[in-house]
Amino acid sequence: MANILVYELEKKIYINLTNRCTNECIFCLRQDKDDVCGQELWLENEDFSTADVIEQLNKFQLSDEIIFCGYGEPLLKFEILKQVAKYIKEKYPHIKIRINTNGHANFVYKQNVVEDLKGLVDEISVSLNASSDEEYDELSQPKFEGAYEEVKKFIKACSNAGIKTVASIVDGYKGRRLDVQKCEQIANELGATLRVREWIQGGY
């Protein structure tokens, strides 16, 4: 089966760039299955180009928003993401572009990549996931130390760049409740708004 690089969910278009992620979140649906609403998002290989993504994108009736979000961390395919976003902005300037990210990109690339996203991305949603380092490590299972601080620094960098920034948390995992008020306070102090996503067992 060919790679699904672009898919539709709830009348929105999503772009799926990689299987790789720097987290192993215990609530992530990829822990349980390879599909979203029957669409198999686990890529057979990652040897594809910007043109391959655009080819699939152009097969869809595009909505008012396109989201970079798939089975892995989209900013790990940074160059392709930028090129696709540039194409969308040039051809469909009315379409809003959002990235859903775990906020580790600046740590991975050892530089502030957010500056390269200005003018290409309308909104960045960053997975805050917790109200403390310890809780983050437990829920997100990051593959490096100090990840929670990196996430917060990334949220601040996005806000400082003038990009609409949302910090998200997944609440209710197997009945577990987060301190939503504290998470909101952290998000606001970093210049972001908070989005609370209720955990869905088995995902979509």
Protein backbone atom coordinates (compact mmCIF):
# COMPACT_ATOMS: atom_id res chain seq x y z
CA MET A 1 0.00 0.00 0.00
CA ALA A 2 1.27 3.46 -0.91
CA ASN A 3 2.16 5.97 1.77
CA ILE A 4 -0.75 8.12 2.93
CA LEU A 5 0.84 11.55 3.17
CA VAL A 6 -2.43 13.50 3.08
CA TYR A 7 -5.70 12.49 4.69
CA GLU A 8 -9.05 13.96 5.64
CA LEU A 9 -10.66 13.92 9.08
CA GLU A 10 -13.81 15.74 10.13
CA LYS A 11 -13.74 17.80 6.89
CA LYS A 12 -10.20 19.04 7.52
CA ILE A 13 -7.09 18.16 5.56
CA TYR A 14 -4.07 16.74 7.41
CA ILE A 15 -0.51 16.15 6.22
CA ASN A 16 1.33 13.11 7.57
CA LEU A 17 5.10 13.42 7.12
CA THR A 18 6.81 10.87 9.36
CA ASN A 19 6.51 7.94 11.74
CA ARG A 20 9.33 9.28 13.89
CA CYS A 21 8.77 11.04 17.19
CA THR A 22 10.89 12.14 20.13
CA ASN A 23 8.10 11.12 22.53
CA GLU A 24 6.31 7.86 23.27
CA CYS A 25 3.19 9.36 24.86
CA ILE A 26 1.29 6.72 26.78
CA PHE A 27 -2.04 8.07 25.52
CA CYS A 28 -1.03 8.30 21.84
CA LEU A 29 -3.29 6.31 19.53
CA ARG A 30 -0.25 5.02 17.64
CA GLN A 31 0.43 2.82 20.67
CA ASP A 32 -2.71 0.86 19.83
CA LYS A 33 -3.25 0.97 16.06
CA ASP A 34 -1.94 2.10 12.69
CA ASP A 35 -5.00 3.86 11.37
CA VAL A 36 -7.25 6.86 11.86
CA CYS A 37 -10.82 6.17 10.77
CA GLY A 38 -9.58 3.34 8.57
CA GLN A 39 -6.78 5.39 6.98
CA GLU A 40 -3.47 3.64 7.56
CA LEU A 41 -1.05 6.40 8.48
CA TRP A 42 2.00 4.31 9.37
CA LEU A 43 4.35 5.09 6.49
CA GLU A 44 5.98 2.17 4.69
CA ASN A 45 9.01 4.38 4.03
CA GLU A 46 10.02 8.01 4.37
CA ASP A 47 11.82 8.31 1.05
CA PHE A 48 9.43 10.82 -0.47
CA SER A 49 9.71 14.37 -1.75
CA THR A 50 7.86 17.65 -1.44
CA ALA A 51 6.37 16.94 -4.88
CA ASP A 52 4.93 13.65 -3.60
CA VAL A 53 3.14 15.47 -0.78
CA ILE A 54 1.81 18.17 -3.11
CA GLU A 55 0.61 15.54 -5.59
CA GLN A 56 -1.51 13.88 -2.91
CA LEU A 57 -2.67 17.24 -1.53
CA ASN A 58 -4.02 18.31 -4.91
CA LYS A 59 -6.27 15.25 -5.07
CA PHE A 60 -8.38 16.62 -2.22
CA GLN A 61 -11.11 19.20 -2.12
CA LEU A 62 -9.28 21.60 0.16
CA SER A 63 -11.01 23.08 3.19
CA ASP A 64 -10.28 26.34 4.99
CA GLU A 65 -7.53 24.75 7.10
CA ILE A 66 -4.62 22.38 6.50
CA ILE A 67 -2.90 20.79 9.50
CA PHE A 68 0.54 19.21 9.64
CA CYS A 69 -0.25 16.31 11.96
CA GLY A 70 0.16 12.58 11.49
CA TYR A 71 1.61 9.58 13.25
CA GLY A 72 4.92 11.23 14.04
CA GLU A 73 6.38 14.65 14.79
CA PRO A 74 5.96 16.78 11.62
CA LEU A 75 8.85 19.13 12.36
CA LEU A 76 11.26 16.20 12.04
CA LYS A 77 10.62 16.67 8.29
CA PHE A 78 11.33 20.37 8.57
CA GLU A 79 12.51 21.15 5.04
CA ILE A 80 9.64 19.32 3.36
CA LEU A 81 7.16 20.92 5.75
CA LYS A 82 8.45 24.39 4.92
CA GLN A 83 8.34 23.76 1.17
CA VAL A 84 4.80 22.38 1.30
CA ALA A 85 3.63 25.26 3.49
CA LYS A 86 5.19 27.73 1.05
CA TYR A 87 3.35 26.06 -1.84
CA ILE A 88 0.04 26.25 0.02
CA LYS A 89 0.52 29.91 0.94
CA GLU A 90 1.37 30.84 -2.64
CA LYS A 91 -1.41 28.86 -4.32
CA TYR A 92 -4.11 29.00 -1.64
CA PRO A 93 -3.43 32.17 0.41
CA HIS A 94 -6.88 32.00 2.01
CA ILE A 95 -6.19 28.62 3.64
CA LYS A 96 -5.06 28.59 7.25
CA ILE A 97 -2.01 26.46 8.05
CA ARG A 98 -1.54 24.87 11.47
CA ILE A 99 1.20 22.64 12.87
CA ASN A 100 0.55 20.21 15.72
CA THR A 101 3.91 19.58 17.36
CA ASN A 102 5.48 18.22 20.52
CA GLY A 103 7.68 21.30 20.78
CA HIS A 104 11.05 19.55 20.60
CA ALA A 105 12.24 20.99 17.27
CA ASN A 106 14.55 23.65 18.65
CA PHE A 107 16.26 21.04 20.81
CA VAL A 108 16.58 18.64 17.86
CA TYR A 109 18.03 21.22 15.45
CA LYS A 110 19.96 23.22 18.09
CA GLN A 111 18.52 26.48 16.77
CA ASN A 112 15.31 28.49 16.81
CA VAL A 113 13.51 27.04 13.79
CA VAL A 114 10.38 29.08 14.58
CA GLU A 115 11.87 32.07 12.78
CA ASP A 116 11.72 30.09 9.53
CA LEU A 117 8.00 29.46 10.02
CA LYS A 118 6.96 33.10 10.23
CA GLY A 119 4.76 33.98 7.27
CA LEU A 120 4.20 30.31 6.45
CA VAL A 121 2.21 29.12 9.47
CA ASP A 122 -0.86 30.75 10.98
CA GLU A 123 -1.07 28.69 14.15
CA ILE A 124 1.13 26.30 16.10
CA SER A 125 -0.39 23.89 18.61
CA VAL A 126 2.22 22.60 21.05
CA SER A 127 1.63 19.58 23.28
CA LEU A 128 2.27 20.87 26.80
CA ASN A 129 0.73 17.66 28.22
CA ALA A 130 1.47 18.33 31.90
CA SER A 131 1.91 20.85 34.70
CA SER A 132 5.35 19.66 35.85
CA ASP A 133 8.54 18.00 34.63
CA GLU A 134 7.77 14.78 36.47
CA GLU A 135 4.25 14.53 35.08
CA TYR A 136 5.47 15.29 31.57
CA ASP A 137 8.11 12.57 31.72
CA GLU A 138 5.54 10.07 32.97
CA LEU A 139 2.89 10.86 30.35
CA SER A 140 5.00 11.80 27.33
CA GLN A 141 7.95 9.41 27.78
CA PRO A 142 10.45 11.74 26.03
CA LYS A 143 13.64 10.31 24.61
CA PHE A 144 15.87 12.97 26.16
CA GLU A 145 16.20 14.72 29.52
CA GLY A 146 14.82 18.18 30.19
CA ALA A 147 12.13 17.82 27.54
CA TYR A 148 9.43 19.70 29.46
CA GLU A 149 11.59 22.81 29.71
CA GLU A 150 12.31 22.56 25.99
CA VAL A 151 8.57 22.44 25.28
CA LYS A 152 7.96 25.55 27.34
CA LYS A 153 10.82 27.39 25.64
CA PHE A 154 9.40 26.41 22.26
CA ILE A 155 5.95 27.72 23.17
CA LYS A 156 7.54 31.00 24.21
CA ALA A 157 9.54 31.17 20.96
CA CYS A 158 6.36 30.70 18.91
CA SER A 159 4.56 33.40 20.86
CA ASN A 160 7.53 35.77 20.55
CA ALA A 161 7.52 35.20 16.77
CA GLY A 162 3.96 36.52 16.60
CA ILE A 163 2.46 33.19 15.57
CA LYS A 164 -0.84 32.27 17.19
CA THR A 165 0.20 29.70 19.78
CA VAL A 166 -1.93 27.11 21.54
CA ALA A 167 -0.65 24.84 24.31
CA SER A 168 -2.61 21.59 24.45
CA ILE A 169 -3.11 18.92 27.08
CA VAL A 170 -4.85 15.54 26.96
CA ASP A 171 -7.05 15.19 30.01
CA GLY A 172 -8.82 12.12 31.37
CA TYR A 173 -6.38 9.38 30.31
CA LYS A 174 -7.83 6.25 31.94
CA GLY A 175 -9.66 8.50 34.39
CA ARG A 176 -6.61 10.55 35.32
CA ARG A 177 -7.18 14.28 35.61
CA LEU A 178 -4.57 16.98 35.13
CA ASP A 179 -4.37 20.29 36.95
CA VAL A 180 -6.02 22.23 34.15
CA GLN A 181 -5.87 25.54 36.00
CA LYS A 182 -2.13 25.25 36.51
CA CYS A 183 -1.61 24.21 32.88
CA GLU A 184 -3.60 27.24 31.75
CA GLN A 185 -1.51 29.50 33.96
CA ILE A 186 1.71 28.08 32.47
CA ALA A 187 0.37 28.47 28.92
CA ASN A 188 -0.71 32.05 29.50
CA GLU A 189 2.62 33.00 31.07
CA LEU A 190 4.31 31.72 27.91
CA GLY A 191 2.02 33.78 25.69
CA ALA A 192 -0.25 30.93 24.60
CA THR A 193 -3.84 29.90 25.13
CA LEU A 194 -4.71 26.46 26.51
CA ARG A 195 -6.67 23.80 24.67
CA VAL A 196 -7.93 20.83 26.68
CA ARG A 197 -8.46 17.68 24.64
CA GLU A 198 -10.46 14.94 26.26
CA TRP A 199 -8.79 11.53 25.91
CA ILE A 200 -10.62 9.25 23.50
CA GLN A 201 -10.04 5.56 24.18
CA GLY A 202 -8.67 3.97 21.01
CA GLY A 203 -8.45 7.37 19.34
CA TYR A 204 -10.70 8.02 16.38
